[in-house]
């Protein structure tokens, strides 16, 4: 399905932020790795979290759920012997479960999205799993991937953090369950350190003890640990909310978003700080972000690695800022559902934005007068691209049509419902 976004000068209303996808997938995993019953309150409902639910069920977890909570009886360190797992298009779910699959005899992760997740590389994790004794068969580092494990060993493990922090997180979930102690060393650089902080936070809540160096490049993990069965409450999601806040910022608005904790460890919380730097009138108190936008923004410079999943929304706001904005240290955006630098900027140019790319930078020459629009746009099957292009469409001079916009469901299935509730003129249409 496509979406037509028609220019909308004013947004008004109140929304409850969606629950965090990142925290939900992590809580689902630690609940599955516990022996006993855990409860997760306000779990996110998205294609990614549904993929984790489906896969831990296949691996032996027993799940019951109602509207507000989910109970999970875990399988501990003994996943069921399954031949295939389908993670859909969820990269983090794939990588976390590749590590857990090394506890099982023979698991193949199938390739259902050859044009998206099927193109993404996983070599760094494959190398690390080889170091602990897993036999990994793969297609040049890509799906389909078969893991023959059963008895992984601890010890010294090296993993590159250059492409993604998810490879490290995968090892941090696995190594406490191994019999031997482990030492993990991160090579090169570590992308998205803030997200590793979320993994460590969830592991600590689940009763796991890990010693981490201050720079998050070295870890000591005691073997033989057990995950505790616990109760978890999922906080509101900043990455998805970033697009809603950016939309409020570029329009005449009076928008309140609830359930966004001021002191969250989600790096994308920085969307609030960046909008403040852009002179957007807003307050953030008691978990409520209140934007009273006037459509006037000023340019900004920002280290995008601190808030990877909010960068595209920030760029969308910067399209309408007065001056030139620069988002740097963002190379890892190239290794997502699509190349979120080249692919995204190509679509922004179609809509009339003045943007430049470097290997690890996005430069935006703002157009406060707005962009032309009036074009069809390819969203490259990427939920973040879809949401960010919607922000641009609200301030364009003519409607834009976003192809395959239904892929927004990967993280925010009701994004367009929420935008309509605020008064945005968006309409679902059949794909051409």
Protein backbone atom coordinates (compact mmCIF):
# COMPACT_ATOMS: atom_id res chain seq x y z
CA UNK A 1 0.00 0.00 0.00
CA UNK A 2 1.07 3.58 -0.74
CA UNK A 3 0.37 6.74 1.25
CA UNK A 4 -0.35 10.18 -0.19
CA UNK A 5 0.82 12.95 2.14
CA UNK A 6 -0.88 16.28 1.43
CA UNK A 7 0.56 19.51 2.87
CA UNK A 8 -0.83 20.15 6.34
CA UNK A 9 -0.01 23.51 7.96
CA UNK A 10 -1.31 22.74 11.45
CA UNK A 11 -1.13 19.77 13.85
CA UNK A 12 -2.92 19.60 17.18
CA UNK A 13 -3.68 16.93 19.76
CA UNK A 14 -2.34 14.50 22.37
CA UNK A 15 -0.92 11.01 21.87
CA UNK A 16 0.37 8.20 24.04
CA UNK A 17 3.82 7.30 22.71
CA UNK A 18 4.15 3.76 21.46
CA UNK A 19 6.02 1.34 23.73
CA UNK A 20 9.72 0.96 23.00
CA UNK A 21 10.57 -1.63 20.36
CA UNK A 22 14.19 -1.92 21.59
CA UNK A 23 13.22 -2.57 25.19
CA UNK A 24 10.38 -4.93 24.25
CA UNK A 25 12.62 -7.19 22.15
CA UNK A 26 15.23 -7.28 24.92
CA UNK A 27 12.69 -8.01 27.66
CA UNK A 28 11.16 -10.78 25.55
CA UNK A 29 14.58 -12.34 25.13
CA UNK A 30 15.67 -12.20 28.79
CA UNK A 31 12.25 -13.57 29.82
CA UNK A 32 12.75 -16.49 27.42
CA UNK A 33 16.25 -17.11 28.82
CA UNK A 34 14.90 -17.30 32.39
CA UNK A 35 13.58 -20.44 34.05
CA UNK A 36 10.19 -19.49 35.42
CA UNK A 37 7.47 -16.98 34.62
CA UNK A 38 8.18 -13.35 33.73
CA UNK A 39 5.63 -10.59 33.07
CA UNK A 40 6.11 -7.73 30.61
CA UNK A 41 3.75 -4.76 30.93
CA UNK A 42 2.91 -2.56 27.90
CA UNK A 43 4.94 -4.56 25.34
CA UNK A 44 5.32 -2.97 21.90
CA UNK A 45 3.28 -4.39 19.03
CA UNK A 46 5.29 -4.15 15.82
CA UNK A 47 6.70 -6.48 13.19
CA UNK A 48 10.05 -6.58 15.00
CA UNK A 49 8.64 -7.43 18.41
CA UNK A 50 6.22 -9.90 16.79
CA UNK A 51 9.23 -11.57 15.17
CA UNK A 52 10.91 -12.00 18.56
CA UNK A 53 7.66 -13.36 20.06
CA UNK A 54 7.31 -15.86 17.21
CA UNK A 55 10.89 -17.06 17.42
CA UNK A 56 11.13 -17.50 21.20
CA UNK A 57 7.85 -19.46 21.01
CA UNK A 58 9.43 -21.69 18.38
CA UNK A 59 12.43 -22.10 20.68
CA UNK A 60 10.21 -23.29 23.54
CA UNK A 61 8.91 -20.26 25.46
CA UNK A 62 5.25 -20.37 26.53
CA UNK A 63 3.55 -17.00 26.01
CA UNK A 64 0.17 -15.69 27.11
CA UNK A 65 -0.91 -12.11 26.51
CA UNK A 66 -3.73 -9.63 26.84
CA UNK A 67 -3.98 -5.96 25.94
CA UNK A 68 -1.60 -4.63 28.58
CA UNK A 69 0.72 -7.44 29.57
CA UNK A 70 2.40 -10.65 28.52
CA UNK A 71 3.52 -13.60 30.64
CA UNK A 72 6.39 -15.77 29.45
CA UNK A 73 7.58 -19.10 30.79
CA UNK A 74 11.18 -19.28 29.65
CA UNK A 75 13.32 -22.13 28.34
CA UNK A 76 16.47 -21.01 30.15
CA UNK A 77 19.69 -22.21 28.55
CA UNK A 78 17.96 -25.12 26.78
CA UNK A 79 16.12 -23.92 23.66
CA UNK A 80 13.97 -26.42 21.81
CA UNK A 81 15.56 -28.17 18.82
CA UNK A 82 14.03 -26.34 15.84
CA UNK A 83 15.21 -26.58 12.25
CA UNK A 84 14.17 -23.12 11.00
CA UNK A 85 13.54 -19.66 12.42
CA UNK A 86 11.85 -16.80 10.58
CA UNK A 87 12.87 -13.37 11.91
CA UNK A 88 11.04 -11.52 9.14
CA UNK A 89 12.91 -8.27 8.42
CA UNK A 90 14.18 -7.73 11.98
CA UNK A 91 17.97 -7.36 12.06
CA UNK A 92 18.35 -7.07 15.85
CA UNK A 93 16.14 -10.13 16.40
CA UNK A 94 18.23 -12.12 13.92
CA UNK A 95 21.52 -11.17 15.52
CA UNK A 96 20.42 -11.73 19.13
CA UNK A 97 18.97 -15.13 18.23
CA UNK A 98 22.00 -16.19 16.15
CA UNK A 99 23.90 -16.14 19.45
CA UNK A 100 21.18 -18.02 21.36
CA UNK A 101 20.90 -20.54 18.48
CA UNK A 102 24.47 -21.61 19.25
CA UNK A 103 22.94 -23.39 22.29
CA UNK A 104 20.84 -25.54 19.91
CA UNK A 105 22.09 -28.35 17.64
CA UNK A 106 21.16 -27.07 14.16
CA UNK A 107 19.10 -23.97 13.28
CA UNK A 108 18.66 -22.25 9.91
CA UNK A 109 17.56 -18.61 9.73
CA UNK A 110 15.62 -18.25 6.50
CA UNK A 111 15.73 -15.31 4.08
CA UNK A 112 12.24 -13.82 3.62
CA UNK A 113 13.36 -10.30 2.71
CA UNK A 114 16.12 -10.70 0.11
CA UNK A 115 15.91 -6.99 -0.85
CA UNK A 116 16.28 -5.70 2.72
CA UNK A 117 17.53 -7.84 5.64
CA UNK A 118 18.82 -10.36 3.10
CA UNK A 119 21.35 -7.77 1.93
CA UNK A 120 22.71 -6.91 5.37
CA UNK A 121 26.09 -8.30 6.49
CA UNK A 122 26.57 -10.34 9.68
CA UNK A 123 30.23 -11.40 9.26
CA UNK A 124 31.45 -9.87 12.52
CA UNK A 125 29.01 -11.92 14.61
CA UNK A 126 29.68 -15.04 12.51
CA UNK A 127 33.41 -14.66 13.28
CA UNK A 128 32.72 -14.24 17.01
CA UNK A 129 30.42 -17.28 17.17
CA UNK A 130 33.15 -19.31 15.47
CA UNK A 131 35.49 -18.36 18.33
CA UNK A 132 33.16 -20.01 20.88
CA UNK A 133 32.81 -23.21 18.87
CA UNK A 134 29.71 -22.70 16.72
CA UNK A 135 29.83 -23.96 13.13
CA UNK A 136 28.15 -21.26 11.02
CA UNK A 137 27.19 -21.82 7.36
CA UNK A 138 26.21 -18.69 5.46
CA UNK A 139 25.83 -16.94 2.13
CA UNK A 140 28.86 -14.62 2.09
CA UNK A 141 27.94 -13.31 5.55
CA UNK A 142 24.26 -12.95 4.67
CA UNK A 143 21.04 -14.97 5.02
CA UNK A 144 20.21 -17.81 4.91
CA UNK A 145 22.44 -18.68 7.88
CA UNK A 146 22.71 -22.10 9.54
CA UNK A 147 24.19 -22.42 13.03
CA UNK A 148 25.35 -25.77 14.31
CA UNK A 149 26.07 -25.33 17.99
CA UNK A 150 25.02 -27.24 21.07
CA UNK A 151 28.00 -26.67 23.34
CA UNK A 152 29.54 -23.20 22.89
CA UNK A 153 32.59 -22.45 25.04
CA UNK A 154 33.47 -19.26 26.89
CA UNK A 155 36.93 -17.75 26.93
CA UNK A 156 38.40 -14.80 25.08
CA UNK A 157 36.12 -13.43 22.36
CA UNK A 158 36.82 -10.59 19.96
CA UNK A 159 34.08 -8.85 18.00
CA UNK A 160 34.15 -5.83 15.73
CA UNK A 161 31.83 -2.96 16.61
CA UNK A 162 32.41 -1.09 13.35
CA UNK A 163 29.15 -2.01 11.61
CA UNK A 164 26.69 -2.59 14.45
CA UNK A 165 26.50 -2.78 18.24
CA UNK A 166 23.97 -5.62 17.87
CA UNK A 167 26.77 -8.18 17.45
CA UNK A 168 28.15 -7.24 20.89
CA UNK A 169 24.68 -7.24 22.47
CA UNK A 170 24.10 -10.74 21.09
CA UNK A 171 27.25 -12.00 22.84
CA UNK A 172 26.30 -10.24 26.08
CA UNK A 173 22.96 -12.10 26.14
CA UNK A 174 24.65 -15.46 25.46
CA UNK A 175 27.87 -15.54 27.48
CA UNK A 176 26.35 -15.53 31.01
CA UNK A 177 24.76 -18.92 30.14
CA UNK A 178 28.04 -20.58 29.16
CA UNK A 179 29.83 -22.81 31.67
CA UNK A 180 33.12 -20.95 31.39
CA UNK A 181 33.85 -17.30 32.14
CA UNK A 182 34.21 -15.04 29.12
CA UNK A 183 36.18 -11.93 28.22
CA UNK A 184 34.82 -9.91 25.33
CA UNK A 185 36.98 -7.35 23.53
CA UNK A 186 35.44 -4.96 21.02
CA UNK A 187 37.71 -4.26 18.06
CA UNK A 188 37.99 -1.08 16.01
CA UNK A 189 35.12 1.22 16.99
CA UNK A 190 31.78 0.65 18.68
CA UNK A 191 28.71 2.11 16.99
CA UNK A 192 25.59 3.09 18.94
CA UNK A 193 27.13 2.80 22.42
CA UNK A 194 23.88 4.14 23.87
CA UNK A 195 22.04 1.03 22.65
CA UNK A 196 24.64 -1.21 24.33
CA UNK A 197 23.77 0.71 27.49
CA UNK A 198 20.15 -0.41 27.04
CA UNK A 199 21.29 -4.03 26.72
CA UNK A 200 23.37 -3.77 29.90
CA UNK A 201 20.46 -2.11 31.72
CA UNK A 202 18.09 -4.95 30.78
CA UNK A 203 20.66 -7.62 31.68
CA UNK A 204 21.13 -6.05 35.11
CA UNK A 205 17.36 -5.97 35.62
CA UNK A 206 17.32 -9.69 34.73
CA UNK A 207 19.84 -10.48 37.49
CA UNK A 208 22.90 -10.89 35.23
CA UNK A 209 26.26 -9.52 36.41
CA UNK A 210 28.63 -8.15 33.77
CA UNK A 211 31.77 -6.05 34.32
CA UNK A 212 32.09 -3.45 31.57
CA UNK A 213 34.96 -1.03 31.01
CA UNK A 214 34.05 2.64 31.11
CA UNK A 215 34.45 2.98 27.32
CA UNK A 216 32.31 -0.18 26.76
CA UNK A 217 35.10 -1.83 24.74
CA UNK A 218 35.94 -4.67 27.21
CA UNK A 219 33.74 -7.01 29.29
CA UNK A 220 34.18 -9.75 31.88
CA UNK A 221 31.27 -12.17 32.13
CA UNK A 222 31.01 -14.91 34.76
CA UNK A 223 29.77 -18.20 33.34
CA UNK A 224 27.05 -20.36 34.85
CA UNK A 225 24.68 -17.48 35.57
CA UNK A 226 20.91 -17.81 35.45
CA UNK A 227 18.43 -15.25 34.22
CA UNK A 228 15.86 -14.36 36.88
CA UNK A 229 12.13 -14.46 36.13
CA UNK A 230 11.00 -10.87 36.69
CA UNK A 231 8.38 -8.20 36.00
CA UNK A 232 9.28 -5.55 33.43
CA UNK A 233 7.54 -2.31 32.39
CA UNK A 234 8.26 -1.09 28.86
CA UNK A 235 8.82 2.66 28.52
CA UNK A 236 7.65 4.89 25.66
CA UNK A 237 9.54 4.74 22.36
CA UNK A 238 11.73 7.70 21.39
CA UNK A 239 12.82 6.45 17.92
CA UNK A 240 9.22 6.29 16.63
CA UNK A 241 8.21 9.43 18.51
CA UNK A 242 11.06 11.34 16.85
CA UNK A 243 9.10 11.56 13.58
CA UNK A 244 5.95 12.76 15.36
CA UNK A 245 7.93 15.43 17.23
CA UNK A 246 9.69 16.50 14.01
CA UNK A 247 6.30 16.81 12.29
CA UNK A 248 5.08 19.05 15.11
CA UNK A 249 8.28 21.10 14.87
CA UNK A 250 7.94 21.90 11.15
CA UNK A 251 4.27 22.95 11.40
CA UNK A 252 2.07 25.32 13.36
CA UNK A 253 1.36 22.94 16.20
CA UNK A 254 0.13 22.27 19.69
CA UNK A 255 1.07 18.62 20.24
CA UNK A 256 1.60 16.65 23.45
CA UNK A 257 3.28 13.24 23.50
CA UNK A 258 2.95 11.23 26.73
CA UNK A 259 5.07 8.37 28.19
CA UNK A 260 8.49 9.78 27.17
CA UNK A 261 10.74 9.58 30.24
CA UNK A 262 13.07 12.56 30.71
CA UNK A 263 15.97 10.40 31.90
CA UNK A 264 15.56 7.45 29.53
CA UNK A 265 18.68 5.63 28.34
CA UNK A 266 17.33 5.65 24.80
CA UNK A 267 19.82 7.70 22.79
CA UNK A 268 17.00 8.95 20.60
CA UNK A 269 15.83 11.01 23.57
CA UNK A 270 18.23 13.51 21.96
CA UNK A 271 15.47 14.44 19.48
CA UNK A 272 14.11 16.71 22.24
CA UNK A 273 17.51 18.39 22.74
CA UNK A 274 18.07 18.79 18.99
CA UNK A 275 14.67 20.39 18.47
CA UNK A 276 15.46 22.76 21.34
CA UNK A 277 18.76 23.62 19.62
CA UNK A 278 16.71 24.36 16.50
CA UNK A 279 14.70 26.88 18.55
CA UNK A 280 11.50 24.82 18.49
CA UNK A 281 9.25 25.91 21.38
CA UNK A 282 8.76 22.87 23.61
CA UNK A 283 8.67 21.67 27.20
CA UNK A 284 9.48 18.22 28.63
CA UNK A 285 8.05 17.54 32.09
CA UNK A 286 6.49 14.54 33.86
CA UNK A 287 7.02 12.30 30.84
CA UNK A 288 5.18 14.70 28.49
CA UNK A 289 6.81 16.47 25.54
CA UNK A 290 4.71 19.49 24.56
CA UNK A 291 5.59 21.10 21.20
CA UNK A 292 4.04 24.42 20.25
CA UNK A 293 5.69 24.76 16.88
CA UNK A 294 5.70 27.88 14.72
CA UNK A 295 7.39 26.26 11.72
CA UNK A 296 10.55 28.32 12.25
CA UNK A 297 13.74 26.34 12.81
CA UNK A 298 17.43 27.14 12.79
CA UNK A 299 20.24 24.88 11.55
CA UNK A 300 22.09 22.51 13.86
CA UNK A 301 25.18 20.26 14.05
CA UNK A 302 24.79 16.88 15.76
CA UNK A 303 26.75 13.64 16.34
CA UNK A 304 24.25 11.19 14.88
CA UNK A 305 25.85 8.09 16.40
CA UNK A 306 24.33 9.15 19.73
CA UNK A 307 20.78 8.80 18.39
CA UNK A 308 20.95 6.59 15.31
CA UNK A 309 17.24 5.89 14.92
CA UNK A 310 16.22 9.55 15.25
CA UNK A 311 18.65 10.98 12.69
CA UNK A 312 16.32 10.67 9.69
CA UNK A 313 13.59 12.58 11.53
CA UNK A 314 16.12 15.25 12.56
CA UNK A 315 17.22 15.57 8.93
CA UNK A 316 13.57 15.95 7.85
CA UNK A 317 13.19 18.87 10.27
CA UNK A 318 16.49 20.38 9.09
CA UNK A 319 15.17 20.41 5.50
CA UNK A 320 13.07 23.43 6.58
CA UNK A 321 15.64 25.11 8.87
CA UNK A 322 17.29 28.47 8.24
CA UNK A 323 20.94 27.65 7.44
CA UNK A 324 23.04 24.55 6.84
CA UNK A 325 22.76 21.57 9.23
CA UNK A 326 25.33 18.80 9.57
CA UNK A 327 24.81 15.32 11.01
CA UNK A 328 28.13 13.53 11.41
CA UNK A 329 29.40 10.08 12.50
CA UNK A 330 26.42 8.41 10.84
CA UNK A 331 28.06 5.80 8.61
CA UNK A 332 26.24 2.96 10.35
CA UNK A 333 23.02 4.31 8.79
CA UNK A 334 24.28 2.70 5.59
CA UNK A 335 23.84 -0.80 7.07
CA UNK A 336 20.15 -0.66 8.03
CA UNK A 337 17.01 -1.80 6.16
CA UNK A 338 18.40 0.27 3.30
CA UNK A 339 21.33 2.65 2.89
CA UNK A 340 19.76 5.38 5.00
CA UNK A 341 22.19 7.97 3.65
CA UNK A 342 22.28 7.47 -0.14
CA UNK A 343 18.76 6.05 -0.54
CA UNK A 344 17.09 8.55 1.80
CA UNK A 345 18.85 11.61 0.39
CA UNK A 346 17.98 10.58 -3.16
CA UNK A 347 14.29 10.62 -2.20
CA UNK A 348 14.63 13.93 -0.35
CA UNK A 349 16.13 15.47 -3.51
CA UNK A 350 13.14 14.26 -5.53
CA UNK A 351 10.89 16.18 -3.12
CA UNK A 352 13.01 19.32 -3.58
CA UNK A 353 15.36 19.24 -0.59
CA UNK A 354 18.93 20.53 -0.91
CA UNK A 355 21.05 17.80 0.69
CA UNK A 356 24.59 16.43 0.34
CA UNK A 357 26.15 13.19 1.49
CA UNK A 358 29.61 12.22 2.66
CA UNK A 359 30.70 8.74 3.70
CA UNK A 360 29.62 9.37 7.28
CA UNK A 361 27.84 12.74 7.10
CA UNK A 362 24.53 14.21 5.99
CA UNK A 363 24.55 17.92 5.13
CA UNK A 364 21.26 19.77 4.76
CA UNK A 365 20.96 23.23 3.23
CA UNK A 366 17.66 24.30 4.71
CA UNK A 367 14.76 25.73 2.72
CA UNK A 368 12.52 27.59 5.19
CA UNK A 369 10.17 28.46 2.33
CA UNK A 370 9.37 24.76 1.89
CA UNK A 371 10.00 22.17 -0.83
CA UNK A 372 8.10 21.55 -4.05
CA UNK A 373 6.86 17.99 -3.49
CA UNK A 374 4.44 16.72 -6.13
CA UNK A 375 6.44 13.51 -6.65
CA UNK A 376 6.33 9.75 -6.14
CA UNK A 377 8.90 8.53 -3.65
CA UNK A 378 10.46 5.11 -3.02
CA UNK A 379 10.71 4.33 0.68
CA UNK A 380 13.09 1.37 0.12
CA UNK A 381 11.03 -0.88 2.46
CA UNK A 382 12.36 1.15 5.40
CA UNK A 383 10.09 2.20 8.26
CA UNK A 384 12.31 5.10 9.39
CA UNK A 385 12.51 6.46 5.82
CA UNK A 386 8.71 6.29 5.50
CA UNK A 387 8.15 8.26 8.71
CA UNK A 388 10.79 10.89 7.88
CA UNK A 389 9.48 11.42 4.33
CA UNK A 390 6.01 11.92 5.80
CA UNK A 391 7.38 14.84 7.85
CA UNK A 392 8.75 16.40 4.66
CA UNK A 393 5.45 15.86 2.84
CA UNK A 394 3.52 17.79 5.48
CA UNK A 395 5.50 20.93 4.62
CA UNK A 396 5.78 20.41 0.84
CA UNK A 397 3.91 22.66 -1.60
CA UNK A 398 2.24 19.72 -3.36
CA UNK A 399 1.37 16.17 -2.20
CA UNK A 400 3.94 13.38 -2.24
CA UNK A 401 3.16 9.72 -2.72
CA UNK A 402 5.24 7.26 -0.64
CA UNK A 403 5.38 3.80 -2.17
CA UNK A 404 5.16 0.68 0.05
CA UNK A 405 4.36 2.79 3.10
CA UNK A 406 2.84 -0.26 4.84
CA UNK A 407 6.40 -1.21 5.84
CA UNK A 408 6.05 1.40 8.60
CA UNK A 409 4.54 -1.53 10.55
CA UNK A 410 8.04 -2.82 11.24
CA UNK A 411 8.21 -0.50 14.23
CA UNK A 412 5.12 1.76 14.29
CA UNK A 413 2.03 0.05 12.81
CA UNK A 414 -0.33 2.91 13.78
CA UNK A 415 1.95 5.78 12.73
CA UNK A 416 -0.45 7.07 10.10
CA UNK A 417 -3.42 6.66 12.47
CA UNK A 418 -1.56 8.81 14.98
CA UNK A 419 -0.69 11.41 12.34
CA UNK A 420 -4.35 11.59 11.26
CA UNK A 421 -5.38 12.02 14.90
CA UNK A 422 -3.20 15.15 14.99
CA UNK A 423 -4.87 16.47 11.84
CA UNK A 424 -2.33 15.38 9.21
CA UNK A 425 -3.77 14.92 5.72
CA UNK A 426 -2.57 11.39 4.89
CA UNK A 427 -4.44 8.82 2.84
CA UNK A 428 -3.84 5.14 2.09
CA UNK A 429 -4.11 4.19 -1.60
CA UNK A 430 -3.52 1.02 -3.56
CA UNK A 431 0.02 0.63 -4.90
CA UNK A 432 0.44 1.53 -8.55
